[in-house]
C-alpha atoms as a PDB file:
ATOM      1  CA  MET A   1     188.195  24.677   9.004  1.00  0.00           C
ATOM      2  CA  ILE A   2     188.969  28.395   9.320  1.00  0.00           C
ATOM      3  CA  ARG A   3     191.109  28.913  12.431  1.00  0.00           C
ATOM      4  CA  VAL A   4     190.459  32.231  14.185  1.00  0.00           C
ATOM      5  CA  LEU A   5     192.500  34.126  16.769  1.00  0.00           C
ATOM      6  CA  ILE A   6     190.764  36.861  18.775  1.00  0.00           C
ATOM      7  CA  ALA A   7     193.106  39.629  19.981  1.00  0.00           C
ATOM      8  CA  ASP A   8     191.574  42.085  22.442  1.00  0.00           C
ATOM      9  CA  ASP A   9     192.530  43.215  25.936  1.00  0.00           C
ATOM     10  CA  HIS A  10     188.954  42.955  27.220  1.00  0.00           C
ATOM     11  CA  ASN A  11     188.228  39.419  28.417  1.00  0.00           C
ATOM     12  CA  VAL A  12     184.455  39.862  28.340  1.00  0.00           C
ATOM     13  CA  PHE A  13     184.531  41.076  24.744  1.00  0.00           C
ATOM     14  CA  VAL A  14     186.704  38.146  23.667  1.00  0.00           C
ATOM     15  CA  GLU A  15     184.281  35.735  25.304  1.00  0.00           C
ATOM     16  CA  GLY A  16     181.368  37.457  23.593  1.00  0.00           C
ATOM     17  CA  ILE A  17     182.935  37.194  20.136  1.00  0.00           C
ATOM     18  CA  GLU A  18     183.840  33.584  20.749  1.00  0.00           C
ATOM     19  CA  SER A  19     180.235  32.835  21.692  1.00  0.00           C
ATOM     20  CA  LEU A  20     179.059  34.385  18.416  1.00  0.00           C
ATOM     21  CA  ILE A  21     181.384  32.170  16.427  1.00  0.00           C
ATOM     22  CA  SER A  22     180.896  29.047  18.530  1.00  0.00           C
ATOM     23  CA  GLY A  23     178.968  26.305  16.784  1.00  0.00           C
ATOM     24  CA  THR A  24     179.515  27.740  13.303  1.00  0.00           C
ATOM     25  CA  SER A  25     180.309  25.062  10.754  1.00  0.00           C
ATOM     26  CA  GLY A  26     183.751  25.556   9.237  1.00  0.00           C
ATOM     27  CA  ILE A  27     184.948  28.271  11.664  1.00  0.00           C
ATOM     28  CA  GLU A  28     186.653  27.704  15.015  1.00  0.00           C
ATOM     29  CA  VAL A  29     188.265  30.010  17.566  1.00  0.00           C
ATOM     30  CA  THR A  30     191.606  28.355  18.304  1.00  0.00           C
ATOM     31  CA  GLN A  31     193.409  31.187  20.149  1.00  0.00           C
ATOM     32  CA  ARG A  32     192.400  33.977  22.544  1.00  0.00           C
ATOM     33  CA  CYS A  33     195.027  36.644  23.211  1.00  0.00           C
ATOM     34  CA  TYR A  34     194.951  39.639  25.536  1.00  0.00           C
ATOM     35  CA  THR A  35     198.383  41.169  24.896  1.00  0.00           C
ATOM     36  CA  VAL A  36     200.554  41.901  21.875  1.00  0.00           C
ATOM     37  CA  ALA A  37     203.225  39.508  23.160  1.00  0.00           C
ATOM     38  CA  SER A  38     200.734  36.671  23.491  1.00  0.00           C
ATOM     39  CA  VAL A  39     199.571  37.158  19.890  1.00  0.00           C
ATOM     40  CA  VAL A  40     203.145  37.014  18.602  1.00  0.00           C
ATOM     41  CA  ASP A  41     203.816  33.907  20.678  1.00  0.00           C
ATOM     42  CA  ALA A  42     200.582  32.196  19.602  1.00  0.00           C
ATOM     43  CA  LEU A  43     201.245  32.763  15.896  1.00  0.00           C
ATOM     44  CA  ARG A  44     204.801  31.495  16.269  1.00  0.00           C
ATOM     45  CA  LYS A  45     203.601  28.274  17.874  1.00  0.00           C
ATOM     46  CA  SER A  46     200.488  27.545  15.831  1.00  0.00           C
ATOM     47  CA  PRO A  47     199.289  29.095  12.546  1.00  0.00           C
ATOM     48  CA  VAL A  48     195.813  30.610  12.258  1.00  0.00           C
ATOM     49  CA  ASP A  49     193.867  31.758   9.232  1.00  0.00           C
ATOM     50  CA  VAL A  50     192.175  34.921  10.512  1.00  0.00           C
ATOM     51  CA  VAL A  51     193.020  37.340  13.323  1.00  0.00           C
ATOM     52  CA  LEU A  52     190.253  39.535  14.748  1.00  0.00           C
ATOM     53  CA  LEU A  53     192.292  42.462  16.048  1.00  0.00           C
ATOM     54  CA  ASP A  54     191.289  45.427  18.179  1.00  0.00           C
ATOM     55  CA  ILE A  55     193.214  48.484  16.933  1.00  0.00           C
ATOM     56  CA  SER A  56     193.663  49.837  20.463  1.00  0.00           C
ATOM     57  CA  PHE A  57     195.623  46.926  21.834  1.00  0.00           C
ATOM     58  CA  PRO A  58     196.077  48.588  24.271  1.00  0.00           C
ATOM     59  CA  GLN A  59     197.123  51.704  22.327  1.00  0.00           C
ATOM     60  CA  ILE A  60     196.361  52.539  18.697  1.00  0.00           C
ATOM     61  CA  ASP A  61     200.027  52.339  17.666  1.00  0.00           C
ATOM     62  CA  ASP A  62     200.247  48.857  19.223  1.00  0.00           C
ATOM     63  CA  GLY A  63     197.375  47.576  17.096  1.00  0.00           C
ATOM     64  CA  LEU A  64     198.701  49.173  13.931  1.00  0.00           C
ATOM     65  CA  GLY A  65     202.179  47.809  14.553  1.00  0.00           C
ATOM     66  CA  LEU A  66     200.906  44.322  15.297  1.00  0.00           C
ATOM     67  CA  CYS A  67     198.792  44.316  12.138  1.00  0.00           C
ATOM     68  CA  GLU A  68     201.834  45.253  10.083  1.00  0.00           C
ATOM     69  CA  GLN A  69     203.938  42.575  11.784  1.00  0.00           C
ATOM     70  CA  ILE A  70     201.354  39.865  11.122  1.00  0.00           C
ATOM     71  CA  ALA A  71     200.938  40.875   7.483  1.00  0.00           C
ATOM     72  CA  ARG A  72     204.693  40.869   6.940  1.00  0.00           C
ATOM     73  CA  THR A  73     205.618  37.729   8.899  1.00  0.00           C
ATOM     74  CA  TYR A  74     202.523  35.603   8.283  1.00  0.00           C
ATOM     75  CA  PRO A  75     201.093  36.662   4.906  1.00  0.00           C
ATOM     76  CA  GLN A  76     198.771  33.643   4.893  1.00  0.00           C
ATOM     77  CA  THR A  77     197.082  34.983   8.031  1.00  0.00           C
ATOM     78  CA  LYS A  78     194.403  37.595   7.299  1.00  0.00           C
ATOM     79  CA  VAL A  79     193.734  40.424   9.752  1.00  0.00           C
ATOM     80  CA  ILE A  80     190.282  41.906  10.333  1.00  0.00           C
ATOM     81  CA  ALA A  81     190.171  45.034  12.478  1.00  0.00           C
ATOM     82  CA  LEU A  82     187.374  44.668  15.039  1.00  0.00           C
ATOM     83  CA  THR A  83     187.174  47.995  16.824  1.00  0.00           C
ATOM     84  CA  MET A  84     185.059  50.855  18.101  1.00  0.00           C
ATOM     85  CA  HIS A  85     186.959  53.381  15.941  1.00  0.00           C
ATOM     86  CA  ASP A  86     184.992  54.666  12.945  1.00  0.00           C
ATOM     87  CA  GLU A  87     187.436  57.366  11.784  1.00  0.00           C
ATOM     88  CA  ALA A  88     188.354  57.238   8.101  1.00  0.00           C
ATOM     89  CA  SER A  89     191.980  58.083   8.883  1.00  0.00           C
ATOM     90  CA  LEU A  90     192.343  55.018  11.122  1.00  0.00           C
ATOM     91  CA  ILE A  91     190.565  52.753   8.647  1.00  0.00           C
ATOM     92  CA  LYS A  92     192.996  53.836   5.940  1.00  0.00           C
ATOM     93  CA  ARG A  93     196.017  53.414   8.205  1.00  0.00           C
ATOM     94  CA  MET A  94     194.908  49.938   9.228  1.00  0.00           C
ATOM     95  CA  VAL A  95     194.404  48.868   5.620  1.00  0.00           C
ATOM     96  CA  LYS A  96     197.813  50.313   4.720  1.00  0.00           C
ATOM     97  CA  LYS A  97     199.322  48.167   7.478  1.00  0.00           C
ATOM     98  CA  GLY A  98     197.824  45.061   5.891  1.00  0.00           C
ATOM     99  CA  ALA A  99     194.312  44.573   7.294  1.00  0.00           C
ATOM    100  CA  LYS A 100     191.990  42.789   4.867  1.00  0.00           C
ATOM    101  CA  GLY A 101     188.770  43.753   6.625  1.00  0.00           C
ATOM    102  CA  TYR A 102     187.367  46.324   9.022  1.00  0.00           C
ATOM    103  CA  LEU A 103     184.400  45.908  11.369  1.00  0.00           C
ATOM    104  CA  LEU A 104     182.963  47.989  14.184  1.00  0.00           C
ATOM    105  CA  LYS A 105     182.282  46.298  17.499  1.00  0.00           C
ATOM    106  CA  ASN A 106     178.525  46.685  17.063  1.00  0.00           C
ATOM    107  CA  THR A 107     178.667  44.247  14.150  1.00  0.00           C
ATOM    108  CA  THR A 108     176.160  41.417  13.843  1.00  0.00           C
ATOM    109  CA  ARG A 109     176.957  37.710  14.019  1.00  0.00           C
ATOM    110  CA  ASN A 110     176.111  37.198  10.337  1.00  0.00           C
ATOM    111  CA  GLU A 111     178.334  40.087   9.298  1.00  0.00           C
ATOM    112  CA  LEU A 112     181.220  38.830  11.427  1.00  0.00           C
ATOM    113  CA  LEU A 113     181.015  35.362   9.914  1.00  0.00           C
ATOM    114  CA  GLN A 114     180.730  36.796   6.403  1.00  0.00           C
ATOM    115  CA  ALA A 115     183.824  38.931   6.975  1.00  0.00           C
ATOM    116  CA  ILE A 116     185.835  35.940   8.209  1.00  0.00           C
ATOM    117  CA  GLN A 117     184.816  33.828   5.233  1.00  0.00           C
ATOM    118  CA  THR A 118     185.451  36.676   2.777  1.00  0.00           C
ATOM    119  CA  VAL A 119     189.011  37.499   3.868  1.00  0.00           C
ATOM    120  CA  HIS A 120     189.839  33.809   4.135  1.00  0.00           C
ATOM    121  CA  GLY A 121     188.828  33.605   0.486  1.00  0.00           C
ATOM    122  CA  GLU A 122     191.539  36.156  -0.390  1.00  0.00           C
ATOM    123  CA  LYS A 123     189.145  39.113  -0.684  1.00  0.00           C
ATOM    124  CA  GLN A 124     188.738  42.308   1.328  1.00  0.00           C
ATOM    125  CA  TYR A 125     185.679  42.977   3.477  1.00  0.00           C
ATOM    126  CA  PHE A 126     184.232  46.431   4.149  1.00  0.00           C
ATOM    127  CA  ASN A 127     180.552  46.731   4.956  1.00  0.00           C
ATOM    128  CA  GLU A 128     178.250  49.557   3.894  1.00  0.00           C
ATOM    129  CA  THR A 129     179.015  51.648   6.976  1.00  0.00           C
ATOM    130  CA  ILE A 130     182.792  51.527   6.512  1.00  0.00           C
ATOM    131  CA  THR A 131     182.499  52.114   2.780  1.00  0.00           C
ATOM    132  CA  HIS A 132     180.319  55.171   3.428  1.00  0.00           C
ATOM    133  CA  ILE A 133     182.859  56.579   5.896  1.00  0.00           C
ATOM    134  CA  LEU A 134     185.689  56.161   3.396  1.00  0.00           C
ATOM    135  CA  LEU A 135     183.733  57.643   0.498  1.00  0.00           C
ATOM    136  CA  ASN A 136     182.771  60.693   2.540  1.00  0.00           C
ATOM    137  CA  ASP A 137     186.227  61.395   3.896  1.00  0.00           C
ATOM    138  CA  GLY A 138     188.189  64.359   2.585  1.00  0.00           C
ATOM    139  CA  PRO A 139     185.885  66.052   0.093  1.00  0.00           C
ATOM    140  CA  LYS A 140     183.545  67.142   2.872  1.00  0.00           C
ATOM    141  CA  ALA A 141     186.295  68.822   4.868  1.00  0.00           C
ATOM    142  CA  ARG A 142     185.508  72.527   4.993  1.00  0.00           C
ATOM    143  CA  LYS A 143     187.567  75.650   5.358  1.00  0.00           C
ATOM    144  CA  SER A 144     187.082  77.191   8.760  1.00  0.00           C
ATOM    145  CA  PRO A 145     185.328  80.606   8.822  1.00  0.00           C
ATOM    146  CA  THR A 146     188.459  82.134  10.287  1.00  0.00           C
ATOM    147  CA  GLY A 147     190.699  80.684   7.618  1.00  0.00           C
ATOM    148  CA  MET A 148     192.792  78.926  10.256  1.00  0.00           C
ATOM    149  CA  GLY A 149     192.970  75.678   8.287  1.00  0.00           C
ATOM    150  CA  MET A 150     190.824  72.705   7.371  1.00  0.00           C
ATOM    151  CA  LYS A 151     187.895  71.971   9.641  1.00  0.00           C
ATOM    152  CA  PRO A 152     188.031  68.221  10.371  1.00  0.00           C
ATOM    153  CA  HIS A 153     185.030  65.946  10.046  1.00  0.00           C
ATOM    154  CA  LEU A 154     184.035  64.721  13.516  1.00  0.00           C
ATOM    155  CA  THR A 155     181.758  61.881  14.479  1.00  0.00           C
ATOM    156  CA  PRO A 156     178.861  62.721  16.841  1.00  0.00           C
ATOM    157  CA  ARG A 157     180.693  61.064  19.739  1.00  0.00           C
ATOM    158  CA  GLU A 158     183.901  62.971  19.000  1.00  0.00           C
ATOM    159  CA  SER A 159     181.924  66.221  19.055  1.00  0.00           C
ATOM    160  CA  GLU A 160     180.491  65.300  22.461  1.00  0.00           C
ATOM    161  CA  VAL A 161     183.919  64.442  23.865  1.00  0.00           C
ATOM    162  CA  LEU A 162     185.421  67.631  22.428  1.00  0.00           C
ATOM    163  CA  SER A 163     182.726  69.722  24.093  1.00  0.00           C
ATOM    164  CA  LEU A 164     183.322  68.056  27.451  1.00  0.00           C
ATOM    165  CA  ILE A 165     187.096  68.477  27.115  1.00  0.00           C
ATOM    166  CA  ALA A 166     186.535  72.186  26.510  1.00  0.00           C
ATOM    167  CA  GLN A 167     184.434  72.310  29.696  1.00  0.00           C
ATOM    168  CA  GLY A 168     187.407  70.988  31.648  1.00  0.00           C
ATOM    169  CA  LEU A 169     185.987  67.608  32.640  1.00  0.00           C
ATOM    170  CA  THR A 170     188.375  64.829  33.590  1.00  0.00           C
ATOM    171  CA  THR A 171     188.506  61.553  31.682  1.00  0.00           C
ATOM    172  CA  GLN A 172     186.497  59.763  34.365  1.00  0.00           C
ATOM    173  CA  GLN A 173     183.923  62.553  34.550  1.00  0.00           C
ATOM    174  CA  MET A 174     183.447  62.374  30.764  1.00  0.00           C
ATOM    175  CA  ALA A 175     183.147  58.598  30.908  1.00  0.00           C
ATOM    176  CA  THR A 176     180.465  58.839  33.593  1.00  0.00           C
ATOM    177  CA  HIS A 177     178.607  61.573  31.707  1.00  0.00           C
ATOM    178  CA  LEU A 178     178.553  59.603  28.446  1.00  0.00           C
ATOM    179  CA  PHE A 179     178.074  56.166  30.059  1.00  0.00           C
ATOM    180  CA  VAL A 180     181.229  54.747  28.466  1.00  0.00           C
ATOM    181  CA  SER A 181     184.577  53.512  29.775  1.00  0.00           C
ATOM    182  CA  ALA A 182     187.523  55.765  30.500  1.00  0.00           C
ATOM    183  CA  LYS A 183     189.404  53.869  27.792  1.00  0.00           C
ATOM    184  CA  ALA A 184     186.742  54.838  25.258  1.00  0.00           C
ATOM    185  CA  ILE A 185     187.228  58.490  26.168  1.00  0.00           C
ATOM    186  CA  GLU A 186     190.973  58.157  25.651  1.00  0.00           C
ATOM    187  CA  PHE A 187     190.343  56.572  22.241  1.00  0.00           C
ATOM    188  CA  HIS A 188     188.306  59.592  21.169  1.00  0.00           C
ATOM    189  CA  ARG A 189     190.783  62.040  22.675  1.00  0.00           C
ATOM    190  CA  SER A 190     193.612  60.435  20.676  1.00  0.00           C
ATOM    191  CA  SER A 191     191.522  60.596  17.526  1.00  0.00           C
ATOM    192  CA  LEU A 192     190.721  64.277  18.110  1.00  0.00           C
ATOM    193  CA  LEU A 193     194.393  65.131  18.639  1.00  0.00           C
ATOM    194  CA  MET A 194     195.228  63.362  15.380  1.00  0.00           C
ATOM    195  CA  LYS A 195     192.420  65.009  13.390  1.00  0.00           C
ATOM    196  CA  PHE A 196     193.323  68.500  14.584  1.00  0.00           C
ATOM    197  CA  GLY A 197     197.040  67.825  14.199  1.00  0.00           C
ATOM    198  CA  VAL A 198     197.946  68.895  17.723  1.00  0.00           C
ATOM    199  CA  SER A 199     199.931  67.289  20.522  1.00  0.00           C
ATOM    200  CA  ASN A 200     198.016  68.160  23.682  1.00  0.00           C
ATOM    201  CA  THR A 201     194.595  69.035  25.046  1.00  0.00           C
ATOM    202  CA  ALA A 202     195.277  72.757  25.408  1.00  0.00           C
ATOM    203  CA  LEU A 203     196.156  73.075  21.714  1.00  0.00           C
ATOM    204  CA  LEU A 204     193.172  70.898  20.835  1.00  0.00           C
ATOM    205  CA  VAL A 205     190.738  73.244  22.581  1.00  0.00           C
ATOM    206  CA  LYS A 206     192.394  76.325  21.060  1.00  0.00           C
ATOM    207  CA  SER A 207     192.294  74.877  17.536  1.00  0.00           C
ATOM    208  CA  ALA A 208     188.692  73.750  17.957  1.00  0.00           C
ATOM    209  CA  MET A 209     187.656  77.232  19.119  1.00  0.00           C
ATOM    210  CA  ASP A 210     189.542  78.898  16.261  1.00  0.00           C
ATOM    211  CA  MET A 211     187.694  76.659  13.803  1.00  0.00           C
ATOM    212  CA  HIS A 212     184.352  77.222  15.545  1.00  0.00           C
ATOM    213  CA  CYS A 213     184.014  73.503  16.297  1.00  0.00           C
ATOM    214  CA  ILE A 214     183.071  74.528  19.843  1.00  0.00           C
ATOM    215  CA  ASP A 215     181.704  77.741  21.287  1.00  0.00           C
END
Protein backbone atom coordinates (compact mmCIF):
# COMPACT_ATOMS: atom_id res chain seq x y z
CA MET A 1 0.00 0.00 0.00
CA ILE A 2 1.36 3.41 -1.02
CA ARG A 3 0.72 5.86 1.83
CA VAL A 4 0.03 9.41 0.66
CA LEU A 5 0.09 12.72 2.53
CA ILE A 6 -1.65 15.71 0.95
CA ALA A 7 -0.17 19.09 1.97
CA ASP A 8 -2.18 22.12 0.89
CA ASP A 9 -3.69 25.06 2.77
CA HIS A 10 -6.99 24.84 0.88
CA ASN A 11 -9.33 22.37 2.58
CA VAL A 12 -11.60 21.99 -0.44
CA PHE A 13 -8.67 21.16 -2.71
CA VAL A 14 -7.35 18.56 -0.26
CA GLU A 15 -10.78 16.95 -0.12
CA GLY A 16 -10.97 16.95 -3.91
CA ILE A 17 -7.60 15.23 -4.31
CA GLU A 18 -8.49 12.71 -1.66
CA SER A 19 -11.71 11.89 -3.50
CA LEU A 20 -9.72 11.27 -6.69
CA ILE A 21 -7.46 8.83 -4.91
CA SER A 22 -10.16 7.22 -2.78
CA GLY A 23 -10.98 3.67 -3.77
CA THR A 24 -7.77 3.16 -5.74
CA SER A 25 -6.24 -0.25 -5.14
CA GLY A 26 -2.79 0.02 -3.57
CA ILE A 27 -2.93 3.77 -2.78
CA GLU A 28 -4.34 5.35 0.38
CA VAL A 29 -4.42 8.90 1.73
CA THR A 30 -3.25 8.53 5.32
CA GLN A 31 -2.55 12.19 6.23
CA ARG A 32 -4.08 15.57 5.34
CA CYS A 33 -2.07 18.63 6.36
CA TYR A 34 -2.88 22.32 6.03
CA THR A 35 0.25 23.91 7.53
CA VAL A 36 3.99 23.36 7.32
CA ALA A 37 4.13 22.53 11.03
CA SER A 38 1.45 19.87 10.69
CA VAL A 39 3.37 18.19 7.85
CA VAL A 40 6.55 18.07 9.92
CA ASP A 41 4.63 16.68 12.88
CA ALA A 42 2.78 14.09 10.77
CA LEU A 43 5.98 12.76 9.19
CA ARG A 44 7.66 12.56 12.59
CA LYS A 45 4.82 10.48 13.99
CA SER A 46 4.02 8.23 11.05
CA PRO A 47 6.00 7.60 7.83
CA VAL A 48 4.39 8.06 4.42
CA ASP A 49 5.58 7.09 0.98
CA VAL A 50 4.51 10.07 -1.13
CA VAL A 51 3.78 13.71 -0.27
CA LEU A 52 1.62 15.76 -2.64
CA LEU A 53 2.89 19.26 -1.87
CA ASP A 54 1.60 22.65 -2.96
CA ILE A 55 4.61 24.91 -3.58
CA SER A 56 2.82 27.96 -2.17
CA PHE A 57 2.28 26.61 1.31
CA PRO A 58 1.35 29.34 2.05
CA GLN A 59 4.30 31.13 0.42
CA ILE A 60 6.60 29.80 -2.30
CA ASP A 61 9.64 29.79 -0.01
CA ASP A 62 7.68 27.73 2.54
CA GLY A 63 6.94 25.02 -0.01
CA LEU A 64 10.49 24.96 -1.32
CA GLY A 65 11.91 24.80 2.18
CA LEU A 66 9.55 22.03 3.24
CA CYS A 67 10.39 19.99 0.14
CA GLU A 68 14.08 20.28 0.95
CA GLN A 69 13.48 19.32 4.58
CA ILE A 70 11.47 16.23 3.62
CA ALA A 71 14.06 15.11 1.07
CA ARG A 72 16.87 15.53 3.57
CA THR A 73 15.18 14.10 6.68
CA TYR A 74 12.99 11.42 5.09
CA PRO A 75 14.74 10.29 1.90
CA GLN A 76 12.36 7.33 1.59
CA THR A 77 9.45 9.76 1.25
CA LYS A 78 8.99 11.06 -2.30
CA VAL A 79 7.65 14.56 -2.93
CA ILE A 80 5.43 15.45 -5.88
CA ALA A 81 4.76 19.16 -6.38
CA LEU A 82 1.04 19.66 -7.02
CA THR A 83 0.63 23.32 -7.86
CA MET A 84 -0.81 25.97 -10.13
CA HIS A 85 2.67 27.31 -10.97
CA ASP A 86 3.88 26.47 -14.48
CA GLU A 87 7.06 28.57 -14.51
CA ALA A 88 10.21 26.73 -15.57
CA SER A 89 12.26 28.52 -12.91
CA LEU A 90 10.03 27.19 -10.12
CA ILE A 91 9.96 23.68 -11.57
CA LYS A 92 13.75 23.64 -11.61
CA ARG A 93 14.00 25.03 -8.08
CA MET A 94 11.55 22.45 -6.77
CA VAL A 95 13.45 19.59 -8.40
CA LYS A 96 16.71 20.97 -7.00
CA LYS A 97 15.13 20.89 -3.54
CA GLY A 98 14.37 17.20 -3.96
CA ALA A 99 10.96 16.86 -5.64
CA LYS A 100 10.64 13.68 -7.70
CA GLY A 101 7.59 14.79 -9.67
CA TYR A 102 5.75 17.92 -10.74
CA LEU A 103 2.05 18.23 -11.58
CA LEU A 104 -0.25 21.16 -12.25
CA LYS A 105 -3.52 21.34 -10.34
CA ASN A 106 -5.54 20.73 -13.50
CA THR A 107 -4.11 17.21 -13.68
CA THR A 108 -6.34 14.22 -14.35
CA ARG A 109 -7.03 11.37 -11.94
CA ASN A 110 -5.14 8.88 -14.12
CA GLU A 111 -2.13 11.16 -14.34
CA LEU A 112 -2.11 11.76 -10.59
CA LEU A 113 -2.19 8.04 -9.85
CA GLN A 114 0.51 7.37 -12.44
CA ALA A 115 2.73 10.02 -10.88
CA ILE A 116 2.30 8.54 -7.40
CA GLN A 117 3.12 5.05 -8.61
CA THR A 118 6.08 6.27 -10.67
CA VAL A 119 7.87 8.19 -7.90
CA HIS A 120 7.14 5.40 -5.44
CA GLY A 121 8.99 3.15 -7.87
CA GLU A 122 12.11 5.33 -7.49
CA LYS A 123 11.62 7.20 -10.78
CA GLN A 124 10.87 10.83 -11.59
CA TYR A 125 7.57 11.93 -13.12
CA PHE A 126 7.17 14.89 -15.47
CA ASN A 127 4.30 14.87 -17.93
CA GLU A 128 4.37 16.25 -21.47
CA THR A 129 3.31 19.73 -20.38
CA ILE A 130 6.05 20.10 -17.77
CA THR A 131 8.66 18.60 -20.08
CA HIS A 132 7.68 21.08 -22.80
CA ILE A 133 8.00 24.01 -20.38
CA LEU A 134 11.47 22.89 -19.32
CA LEU A 135 12.67 22.26 -22.87
CA ASN A 136 11.50 25.68 -24.01
CA ASP A 137 12.99 27.62 -21.13
CA GLY A 138 16.05 29.78 -21.71
CA PRO A 139 16.80 29.47 -25.42
CA LYS A 140 13.64 31.38 -26.30
CA ALA A 141 14.52 34.33 -24.08
CA ARG A 142 14.99 37.34 -26.34
CA LYS A 143 16.98 40.52 -26.10
CA SER A 144 14.73 43.48 -25.53
CA PRO A 145 14.54 46.03 -28.39
CA THR A 146 15.99 48.65 -26.08
CA GLY A 147 18.89 46.48 -25.05
CA MET A 148 17.89 46.77 -21.40
CA GLY A 149 18.44 43.08 -20.71
CA MET A 150 16.83 39.72 -21.34
CA LYS A 151 13.12 39.73 -22.05
CA PRO A 152 11.60 37.01 -19.84
CA HIS A 153 9.22 34.38 -21.15
CA LEU A 154 5.78 34.97 -19.62
CA THR A 155 2.80 32.68 -19.49
CA PRO A 156 -0.50 34.06 -20.87
CA ARG A 157 -1.83 34.52 -17.33
CA GLU A 158 1.33 36.33 -16.22
CA SER A 159 0.95 38.70 -19.17
CA GLU A 160 -2.64 39.43 -18.14
CA VAL A 161 -1.65 40.08 -14.53
CA LEU A 162 1.26 42.28 -15.61
CA SER A 163 -1.05 44.38 -17.77
CA LEU A 164 -3.51 44.85 -14.91
CA ILE A 165 -0.70 45.73 -12.49
CA ALA A 166 0.44 48.40 -14.94
CA GLN A 167 -3.12 49.77 -14.99
CA GLY A 168 -2.95 50.23 -11.23
CA LEU A 169 -5.55 47.66 -10.21
CA THR A 170 -5.48 46.28 -6.68
CA THR A 171 -5.00 42.58 -5.98
CA GLN A 172 -8.72 42.11 -5.32
CA GLN A 173 -9.70 44.05 -8.43
CA MET A 174 -7.41 41.85 -10.55
CA ALA A 175 -8.80 38.71 -8.93
CA THR A 176 -12.36 39.81 -9.71
CA HIS A 177 -11.44 40.76 -13.28
CA LEU A 178 -9.76 37.42 -13.98
CA PHE A 179 -12.20 35.30 -11.94
CA VAL A 180 -9.45 33.88 -9.73
CA SER A 181 -8.56 34.15 -6.05
CA ALA A 182 -6.50 36.96 -4.57
CA LYS A 183 -3.92 34.32 -3.62
CA ALA A 184 -3.59 33.32 -7.27
CA ILE A 185 -2.85 36.93 -8.18
CA GLU A 186 -0.15 37.09 -5.51
CA PHE A 187 1.37 33.88 -6.90
CA HIS A 188 1.68 35.46 -10.34
CA ARG A 189 2.94 38.75 -8.92
CA SER A 190 5.72 36.90 -7.06
CA SER A 191 6.62 35.01 -10.21
CA LEU A 192 6.76 38.24 -12.24
CA LEU A 193 9.02 39.91 -9.68
CA MET A 194 11.34 36.90 -9.82
CA LYS A 195 11.40 36.72 -13.63
CA PHE A 196 12.16 40.42 -14.02
CA GLY A 197 14.65 40.35 -11.15
CA VAL A 198 13.07 43.24 -9.27
CA SER A 199 11.92 43.72 -5.69
CA ASN A 200 8.71 45.73 -5.97
CA THR A 201 5.79 46.53 -8.23
CA ALA A 202 7.06 49.95 -9.30
CA LEU A 203 10.32 48.46 -10.60
CA LEU A 204 8.37 45.63 -12.21
CA VAL A 205 6.24 48.04 -14.25
CA LYS A 206 9.28 50.13 -15.21
CA SER A 207 11.27 47.08 -16.32
CA ALA A 208 8.31 45.68 -18.25
CA MET A 209 7.83 48.99 -20.07
CA ASP A 210 11.55 49.25 -20.86
CA MET A 211 11.43 45.77 -22.37
CA HIS A 212 8.20 46.51 -24.25
CA CYS A 213 6.37 43.74 -22.39
CA ILE A 214 3.56 46.25 -21.83
CA ASP A 215 2.59 49.43 -23.64
